[in-house]
Amino acid sequence: MARILIADPDPSIRRTLAEALKGRGRSFDEAADAGRVLEILRGAEIDLVLADVDILEAEPDWPAALRMVRPGLGVVAMVGIGEDAERWMRKGALAAISKPFNLADLKRVVEGSLRGPEEKSGPRTGPIRKAAWTAAAALLAGGAGWFIHQRSLRPPPPPAQCRIPYANLSGIALGPGSLWTCDWFNQAVHRHLPDADLTLEASVSSETWRPTALAWDGKNLWTYSSWDRKMSRRHNDGKFSVLEETGLPEQIEPSSLSASGEGSFWFCDRASRKLGRFEIRNGKARLLDSATSPGSDPSGICQTAESAWTLDGEARLLYRHGKDPGFAPAGTFELPVEMRREKLSSLACDEDFFWIGAPEIQKIFRVGRESLRPAARRP
């Protein structure tokens, strides 16, 4: 039952961190400045403080002096790219982690810091220090701007897997000579070439979106945000500007998307274990049909000319479906053995290959259709 204080001038960061770290009986307090931090610490039993360095800079002896207000308090410093994480640990922080956050590293830092912070007598080093720079390296590997190149979608035979220089992958889509991905936590869309190395061509981030799924409809890229339940059709310009926004009704909650034409989409919903189709016409979304997924964890959906495919991320299986309204499975296939130990999420495909995300290890697997094998039995 840990109680965490999130101290950051940006309210969207405070809300995002609380949402990402919720569970395990945790509760959260928020502070926008140093004065509010002290006010909360004097009146509440706080176990851990996540503090932006702009707030820590307000007092010369913070974060070590905060333990005079709350003995045994743990403080994690949230630093920007290029800032001195080591300096904050020398000043008494248990750990330092860089913005933009790698969600998996952030969770590890917080969970490690909550394992009895009263027992820690000095700065935290080792794995936590390494975690502090993972997100920094990821961002520096990214690009700026948005460039359109028409290239063949079929790449040369690549390695079975490609490492991506960012975390929190939540969606994959194929477009003309492009493979797009989205990172909901860092509010970013990334554009890769579908070549042997999945070369990262550009990254676009914005505080005005939080893409949790995306799809290419043949002309435009669509993003979906589960935070405001809106589909956004976006222009292929440098700003990735919004051309159209449509709210979705409650019965449509995509965790993964695939477009079958302009304004027509297939989706899967992990929470309700549903597959479905919907359309957007004249600014309104309408559910066409839905059915229960054959897999327990529908984590991705894509289409080829004759079939729809869904990914069961927990069982590491692909299901082939007919394009009839019933979504009846026409086959169940095992993924290559090197993928069977990973948590899988997100799916895109063309007639020859599948691209499947493994966000916890920051990889995208590329699987040829010919390498699939029928599953011995359905789970």
Protein backbone atom coordinates (compact mmCIF):
# COMPACT_ATOMS: atom_id res chain seq x y z
CA MET A 1 0.00 0.00 0.00
CA ALA A 2 2.67 2.51 -1.04
CA ARG A 3 1.89 6.21 -1.28
CA ILE A 4 3.79 8.06 -4.01
CA LEU A 5 4.18 11.81 -4.46
CA ILE A 6 4.64 12.91 -8.08
CA ALA A 7 6.23 16.36 -8.26
CA ASP A 8 6.35 17.92 -11.71
CA PRO A 9 5.27 21.33 -13.05
CA ASP A 10 3.47 19.65 -15.97
CA PRO A 11 0.03 18.27 -14.95
CA SER A 12 -0.08 15.91 -17.95
CA ILE A 13 3.15 14.24 -16.79
CA ARG A 14 1.76 13.88 -13.27
CA ARG A 15 -1.42 12.25 -14.58
CA THR A 16 0.49 10.01 -16.98
CA LEU A 17 2.85 8.73 -14.29
CA ALA A 18 -0.01 8.02 -11.89
CA GLU A 19 -1.86 6.09 -14.60
CA ALA A 20 1.24 4.13 -15.62
CA LEU A 21 2.20 3.18 -12.05
CA LYS A 22 -1.24 2.47 -10.61
CA GLY A 23 -2.01 -0.93 -9.10
CA ARG A 24 -0.70 -2.91 -6.13
CA GLY A 25 -2.81 -0.75 -3.84
CA ARG A 26 -0.74 2.36 -4.56
CA SER A 27 -2.10 5.86 -4.02
CA PHE A 28 -0.77 9.09 -5.47
CA ASP A 29 -0.38 12.72 -4.47
CA GLU A 30 0.61 15.50 -6.87
CA ALA A 31 2.67 18.64 -6.48
CA ALA A 32 3.45 21.34 -9.05
CA ASP A 33 6.13 23.16 -7.02
CA ALA A 34 8.51 22.83 -4.09
CA GLY A 35 6.16 24.50 -1.62
CA ARG A 36 3.44 21.98 -2.31
CA VAL A 37 5.97 19.13 -1.91
CA LEU A 38 6.80 20.29 1.62
CA GLU A 39 3.15 20.80 2.46
CA ILE A 40 2.26 17.24 1.45
CA LEU A 41 5.29 15.68 3.17
CA ARG A 42 4.44 17.39 6.45
CA GLY A 43 0.88 16.10 6.42
CA ALA A 44 1.02 12.68 4.74
CA GLU A 45 2.89 9.39 5.08
CA ILE A 46 4.68 9.42 1.72
CA ASP A 47 6.87 6.43 0.79
CA LEU A 48 8.45 7.70 -2.43
CA VAL A 49 8.80 11.00 -4.28
CA LEU A 50 9.20 11.17 -8.06
CA ALA A 51 10.50 14.70 -8.57
CA ASP A 52 11.39 16.70 -11.66
CA VAL A 53 14.80 18.32 -11.25
CA ASP A 54 13.31 21.78 -11.77
CA ILE A 55 11.51 21.28 -8.47
CA LEU A 56 14.55 19.74 -6.76
CA GLU A 57 16.63 22.76 -7.86
CA ALA A 58 14.37 25.01 -5.77
CA GLU A 59 16.31 24.09 -2.61
CA PRO A 60 20.12 23.70 -2.62
CA ASP A 61 20.17 20.73 -0.24
CA TRP A 62 17.38 18.71 -1.84
CA PRO A 63 16.76 15.79 -2.17
CA ALA A 64 18.81 14.70 0.86
CA ALA A 65 17.21 17.32 3.13
CA LEU A 66 13.73 16.00 2.37
CA ARG A 67 14.49 13.11 4.70
CA MET A 68 14.59 15.63 7.55
CA VAL A 69 10.90 16.21 6.88
CA ARG A 70 10.12 12.53 6.30
CA PRO A 71 12.84 10.18 7.65
CA GLY A 72 13.62 7.27 5.35
CA LEU A 73 11.94 8.93 2.37
CA GLY A 74 13.03 7.73 -1.07
CA VAL A 75 13.43 10.27 -3.89
CA VAL A 76 13.75 9.47 -7.60
CA ALA A 77 15.02 12.40 -9.68
CA MET A 78 13.46 12.80 -13.13
CA VAL A 79 16.12 14.37 -15.33
CA GLY A 80 16.12 15.66 -18.90
CA ILE A 81 18.25 14.45 -21.78
CA GLY A 82 21.89 15.36 -21.14
CA GLU A 83 21.36 16.35 -17.51
CA ASP A 84 23.67 14.95 -14.84
CA ALA A 85 21.89 11.98 -13.27
CA GLU A 86 24.97 11.09 -11.23
CA ARG A 87 24.90 14.51 -9.53
CA TRP A 88 21.40 13.93 -8.22
CA MET A 89 22.30 10.54 -6.83
CA ARG A 90 25.30 12.10 -5.07
CA LYS A 91 22.90 14.63 -3.57
CA GLY A 92 20.80 11.87 -2.04
CA ALA A 93 18.41 10.55 -4.69
CA LEU A 94 17.87 6.80 -4.67
CA ALA A 95 17.83 6.81 -8.46
CA ALA A 96 17.64 9.08 -11.48
CA ILE A 97 15.69 8.33 -14.62
CA SER A 98 15.56 10.31 -17.85
CA LYS A 99 12.65 11.86 -19.67
CA PRO A 100 11.12 10.77 -22.01
CA PHE A 101 10.50 7.66 -19.97
CA ASN A 102 11.01 4.06 -20.90
CA LEU A 103 7.94 2.66 -19.15
CA ALA A 104 9.48 -0.71 -18.28
CA ASP A 105 12.57 0.97 -16.78
CA LEU A 106 10.42 3.45 -14.88
CA LYS A 107 8.42 0.65 -13.30
CA ARG A 108 11.60 -1.22 -12.35
CA VAL A 109 13.06 1.90 -10.72
CA VAL A 110 9.89 2.59 -8.75
CA GLU A 111 9.41 -1.00 -7.64
CA GLY A 112 13.06 -1.25 -6.61
CA SER A 113 12.87 2.02 -4.70
CA LEU A 114 9.76 0.91 -2.84
CA ARG A 115 11.41 -2.25 -1.48
CA GLY A 116 12.01 -0.78 1.92
CA PRO A 117 13.44 2.69 1.19
CA GLU A 118 14.16 3.12 4.93
CA GLU A 119 16.83 0.42 4.64
CA LYS A 120 18.81 2.21 1.93
CA SER A 121 21.57 4.42 3.31
CA GLY A 122 23.19 5.74 0.16
CA PRO A 123 22.74 6.50 -3.51
CA ARG A 124 21.46 3.69 -5.67
CA THR A 125 23.81 2.51 -8.40
CA GLY A 126 24.22 -0.45 -10.76
CA PRO A 127 21.11 -1.52 -12.70
CA ILE A 128 19.16 1.59 -11.71
CA ARG A 129 21.91 3.86 -13.02
CA LYS A 130 21.87 1.95 -16.28
CA ALA A 131 18.10 2.30 -16.46
CA ALA A 132 18.40 6.04 -16.05
CA TRP A 133 20.05 6.39 -19.45
CA THR A 134 18.05 3.90 -21.49
CA ALA A 135 15.40 6.41 -22.50
CA ALA A 136 18.03 9.04 -23.26
CA ALA A 137 19.79 6.74 -25.71
CA ALA A 138 16.46 5.88 -27.29
CA LEU A 139 15.57 9.50 -27.99
CA LEU A 140 19.01 10.41 -29.31
CA ALA A 141 18.73 7.54 -31.78
CA GLY A 142 15.54 9.06 -33.20
CA GLY A 143 15.24 11.56 -36.00
CA ALA A 144 13.47 14.86 -36.56
CA GLY A 145 11.10 15.87 -39.31
CA TRP A 146 8.85 13.77 -41.50
CA PHE A 147 9.92 12.61 -44.97
CA ILE A 148 7.85 10.75 -47.54
CA HIS A 149 9.57 8.28 -49.87
CA GLN A 150 7.74 5.89 -52.19
CA ARG A 151 9.55 2.56 -51.93
CA SER A 152 8.69 -1.05 -52.42
CA LEU A 153 6.90 -2.46 -49.40
CA ARG A 154 8.57 -5.82 -49.77
CA PRO A 155 12.01 -5.65 -48.11
CA PRO A 156 14.97 -7.90 -48.76
CA PRO A 157 15.26 -10.90 -46.44
CA PRO A 158 16.18 -9.37 -43.07
CA PRO A 159 17.21 -10.83 -39.74
CA ALA A 160 14.37 -12.47 -37.84
CA GLN A 161 14.20 -9.55 -35.44
CA CYS A 162 15.11 -5.88 -35.29
CA ARG A 163 15.77 -3.81 -32.22
CA ILE A 164 13.94 -0.48 -32.02
CA PRO A 165 15.48 2.51 -30.21
CA TYR A 166 12.41 3.27 -28.06
CA ALA A 167 10.09 1.48 -25.68
CA ASN A 168 6.33 1.26 -25.03
CA LEU A 169 5.39 0.09 -28.54
CA SER A 170 1.58 0.05 -28.75
CA GLY A 171 0.79 -0.13 -32.47
CA ILE A 172 2.21 -1.02 -35.91
CA ALA A 173 0.90 -0.08 -39.36
CA LEU A 174 2.19 -0.56 -42.90
CA GLY A 175 1.96 2.21 -45.48
CA PRO A 176 3.58 2.95 -48.85
CA GLY A 177 7.23 2.16 -48.25
CA SER A 178 6.82 2.74 -44.54
CA LEU A 179 6.26 0.97 -41.28
CA TRP A 180 4.74 3.22 -38.61
CA THR A 181 4.73 2.55 -34.91
CA CYS A 182 3.36 4.43 -31.92
CA ASP A 183 4.58 4.85 -28.35
CA TRP A 184 1.62 5.86 -26.19
CA PHE A 185 3.68 6.68 -23.10
CA ASN A 186 6.03 9.14 -24.75
CA GLN A 187 3.29 10.46 -27.07
CA ALA A 188 5.21 9.67 -30.25
CA VAL A 189 4.81 8.16 -33.71
CA HIS A 190 7.87 6.69 -35.44
CA ARG A 191 8.41 6.04 -39.14
CA HIS A 192 10.66 3.18 -40.30
CA LEU A 193 11.73 1.92 -43.67
CA PRO A 194 10.61 -1.73 -44.02
CA ASP A 195 14.15 -2.82 -44.79
CA ALA A 196 16.39 -5.42 -43.17
CA ASP A 197 17.15 -3.19 -40.18
CA LEU A 198 13.85 -1.33 -39.91
CA THR A 199 15.79 1.90 -40.35
CA LEU A 200 14.26 4.66 -38.23
CA GLU A 201 13.56 7.49 -40.65
CA ALA A 202 11.71 9.99 -38.46
CA SER A 203 10.02 10.49 -35.10
CA VAL A 204 7.25 12.93 -34.30
CA SER A 205 6.07 13.66 -30.77
CA SER A 206 3.48 16.05 -29.43
CA GLU A 207 1.81 16.85 -26.13
CA THR A 208 -1.54 17.06 -27.93
CA TRP A 209 -1.90 13.34 -28.65
CA ARG A 210 -1.41 9.99 -26.96
CA PRO A 211 -1.61 7.35 -29.73
CA THR A 212 -2.44 3.86 -28.46
CA ALA A 213 -3.17 2.32 -31.89
CA LEU A 214 -2.77 3.32 -35.53
CA ALA A 215 -3.71 2.24 -39.07
CA TRP A 216 -3.03 3.24 -42.68
CA ASP A 217 -6.16 3.46 -44.87
CA GLY A 218 -4.42 3.80 -48.24
CA LYS A 219 -4.25 7.60 -48.15
CA ASN A 220 -3.77 8.71 -44.57
CA LEU A 221 -2.56 7.49 -41.23
CA TRP A 222 -5.15 7.23 -38.47
CA THR A 223 -4.28 7.25 -34.78
CA TYR A 224 -6.50 6.25 -31.88
CA SER A 225 -6.17 7.43 -28.29
CA SER A 226 -7.85 5.43 -25.55
CA TRP A 227 -7.46 8.47 -23.28
CA ASP A 228 -10.03 10.61 -25.10
CA ARG A 229 -11.58 7.79 -27.22
CA LYS A 230 -10.92 9.64 -30.49
CA MET A 231 -9.84 8.52 -33.94
CA SER A 232 -7.71 11.12 -35.74
CA ARG A 233 -7.02 11.17 -39.48
CA ARG A 234 -3.68 12.87 -39.99
CA HIS A 235 -1.93 14.67 -42.81
CA ASN A 236 1.45 13.43 -44.03
CA ASP A 237 3.10 16.76 -43.40
CA GLY A 238 5.95 17.63 -41.09
CA LYS A 239 3.59 18.56 -38.28
CA PHE A 240 1.44 15.45 -38.74
CA SER A 241 -1.59 17.72 -38.43
CA VAL A 242 -5.13 16.55 -37.78
CA LEU A 243 -7.51 16.46 -40.75
CA GLU A 244 -10.45 14.90 -38.94
CA GLU A 245 -11.32 13.72 -35.43
CA THR A 246 -14.13 11.35 -34.51
CA GLY A 247 -15.18 10.12 -31.10
CA LEU A 248 -15.90 6.40 -30.79
CA PRO A 249 -18.95 4.95 -29.01
CA GLU A 250 -18.48 2.82 -25.90
CA GLN A 251 -18.82 -0.51 -27.74
CA ILE A 252 -15.73 0.30 -29.84
CA GLU A 253 -12.51 0.28 -27.78
CA PRO A 254 -9.60 -0.64 -30.10
CA SER A 255 -6.38 -1.96 -28.63
CA SER A 256 -5.24 -2.63 -32.22
CA LEU A 257 -6.45 -1.38 -35.61
CA SER A 258 -6.33 -2.32 -39.27
CA ALA A 259 -7.89 -0.26 -42.07
CA SER A 260 -9.71 -1.93 -44.96
CA GLY A 261 -10.27 1.28 -46.92
CA GLU A 262 -11.00 4.90 -46.32
CA GLY A 263 -12.96 5.17 -43.09
CA SER A 264 -13.35 1.38 -42.67
CA PHE A 265 -11.57 -0.44 -39.85
CA TRP A 266 -11.15 -3.79 -38.17
CA PHE A 267 -10.21 -3.78 -34.50
CA CYS A 268 -9.51 -6.03 -31.56
CA ASP A 269 -10.26 -5.21 -27.93
CA ARG A 270 -8.07 -6.94 -25.36
CA ALA A 271 -10.21 -5.95 -22.39
CA SER A 272 -13.42 -7.51 -23.71
CA ARG A 273 -11.75 -10.17 -25.92
CA LYS A 274 -13.68 -8.87 -28.93
CA LEU A 275 -12.97 -8.55 -32.63
CA GLY A 276 -15.02 -6.18 -34.73
CA ARG A 277 -15.47 -3.83 -37.64
CA PHE A 278 -16.58 -0.22 -37.69
CA GLU A 279 -16.78 2.64 -40.14
CA ILE A 280 -16.47 6.41 -39.94
CA ARG A 281 -18.78 8.34 -42.23
CA ASN A 282 -19.67 12.03 -42.10
CA GLY A 283 -17.93 12.49 -38.78
CA LYS A 284 -19.68 9.61 -37.02
CA ALA A 285 -18.46 6.13 -36.09
CA ARG A 286 -20.74 3.10 -36.37
CA LEU A 287 -20.11 -0.48 -35.21
CA LEU A 288 -20.80 -2.93 -38.05
CA ASP A 289 -20.34 -6.25 -36.26
CA SER A 290 -18.28 -7.95 -33.55
CA ALA A 291 -17.51 -11.41 -32.20
CA THR A 292 -15.55 -13.05 -29.39
CA SER A 293 -11.87 -13.60 -30.11
CA PRO A 294 -10.71 -17.23 -30.33
CA GLY A 295 -7.63 -16.21 -28.35
CA SER A 296 -7.58 -15.05 -24.75
CA ASP A 297 -5.36 -12.01 -25.45
CA PRO A 298 -6.22 -10.38 -28.81
CA SER A 299 -3.23 -8.05 -29.11
CA GLY A 300 -3.05 -7.25 -32.82
CA ILE A 301 -5.01 -7.38 -36.06
CA CYS A 302 -4.09 -7.04 -39.75
CA GLN A 303 -5.43 -7.98 -43.18
CA THR A 304 -4.27 -9.58 -46.39
CA ALA A 305 -6.31 -9.78 -49.59
CA GLU A 306 -8.29 -12.84 -48.55
CA SER A 307 -7.95 -13.06 -44.78
CA ALA A 308 -7.86 -11.17 -41.53
CA TRP A 309 -5.26 -12.18 -38.95
CA THR A 310 -5.22 -11.71 -35.19
CA LEU A 311 -2.43 -12.14 -32.67
CA ASP A 312 -2.82 -13.79 -29.28
CA GLY A 313 0.00 -12.09 -27.41
CA GLU A 314 -0.02 -14.41 -24.39
CA ALA A 315 -0.30 -17.74 -26.26
CA ARG A 316 2.03 -16.54 -29.07
CA LEU A 317 -0.39 -17.71 -31.77
CA LEU A 318 -1.71 -16.23 -35.00
CA TYR A 319 -5.32 -16.84 -36.02
CA ARG A 320 -6.45 -16.58 -39.63
CA HIS A 321 -10.05 -15.46 -40.15
CA GLY A 322 -12.36 -15.25 -43.09
CA LYS A 323 -13.64 -11.77 -43.86
CA ASP A 324 -17.21 -12.78 -43.13
CA PRO A 325 -19.13 -11.06 -40.30
CA GLY A 326 -18.66 -14.02 -37.95
CA PHE A 327 -14.84 -13.75 -37.83
CA ALA A 328 -14.67 -17.55 -37.77
CA PRO A 329 -11.05 -18.76 -37.46
CA ALA A 330 -9.83 -20.56 -40.57
CA GLY A 331 -6.54 -21.65 -39.04
CA THR A 332 -4.33 -21.39 -35.97
CA PHE A 333 -0.57 -21.03 -36.36
CA GLU A 334 2.43 -21.19 -34.07
CA LEU A 335 5.03 -18.45 -34.21
CA PRO A 336 8.76 -19.26 -34.48
CA VAL A 337 10.29 -20.73 -31.37
CA GLU A 338 12.47 -17.68 -30.61
CA MET A 339 9.30 -15.63 -30.11
CA ARG A 340 7.52 -17.97 -27.73
CA ARG A 341 9.09 -16.61 -24.55
CA GLU A 342 8.27 -12.98 -25.28
CA LYS A 343 5.18 -10.93 -24.48
CA LEU A 344 3.89 -9.92 -27.91
CA SER A 345 1.76 -6.95 -28.84
CA SER A 346 0.82 -5.23 -32.13
CA LEU A 347 0.61 -6.76 -35.59
CA ALA A 348 0.92 -5.62 -39.21
CA CYS A 349 1.18 -7.66 -42.40
CA ASP A 350 1.29 -7.77 -46.17
CA GLU A 351 0.94 -10.82 -48.43
CA ASP A 352 4.38 -12.18 -47.47
CA PHE A 353 5.34 -11.06 -43.99
CA PHE A 354 4.07 -10.30 -40.50
CA TRP A 355 5.58 -7.61 -38.27
CA ILE A 356 5.00 -8.36 -34.59
CA GLY A 357 6.04 -6.19 -31.66
CA ALA A 358 7.72 -7.32 -28.45
CA PRO A 359 7.68 -4.07 -26.43
CA GLU A 360 9.32 -5.39 -23.27
CA ILE A 361 12.53 -6.21 -25.17
CA GLN A 362 12.22 -3.30 -27.64
CA LYS A 363 12.07 -5.48 -30.73
CA ILE A 364 9.93 -6.03 -33.79
CA PHE A 365 9.94 -9.53 -35.25
CA ARG A 366 9.50 -10.05 -38.99
CA VAL A 367 7.98 -13.43 -39.81
CA GLY A 368 7.54 -14.89 -43.30
CA ARG A 369 4.22 -16.54 -44.10
CA GLU A 370 6.07 -19.69 -45.11
CA SER A 371 7.61 -20.02 -41.64
CA LEU A 372 4.24 -20.42 -39.90
CA ARG A 373 3.28 -23.90 -38.73
CA PRO A 374 -0.23 -25.08 -37.84
CA ALA A 375 -0.71 -25.23 -34.09
CA ALA A 376 -1.04 -28.72 -32.66
CA ARG A 377 -4.15 -27.69 -30.78
CA ARG A 378 -6.01 -24.58 -29.84
CA PRO A 379 -5.41 -23.23 -26.36
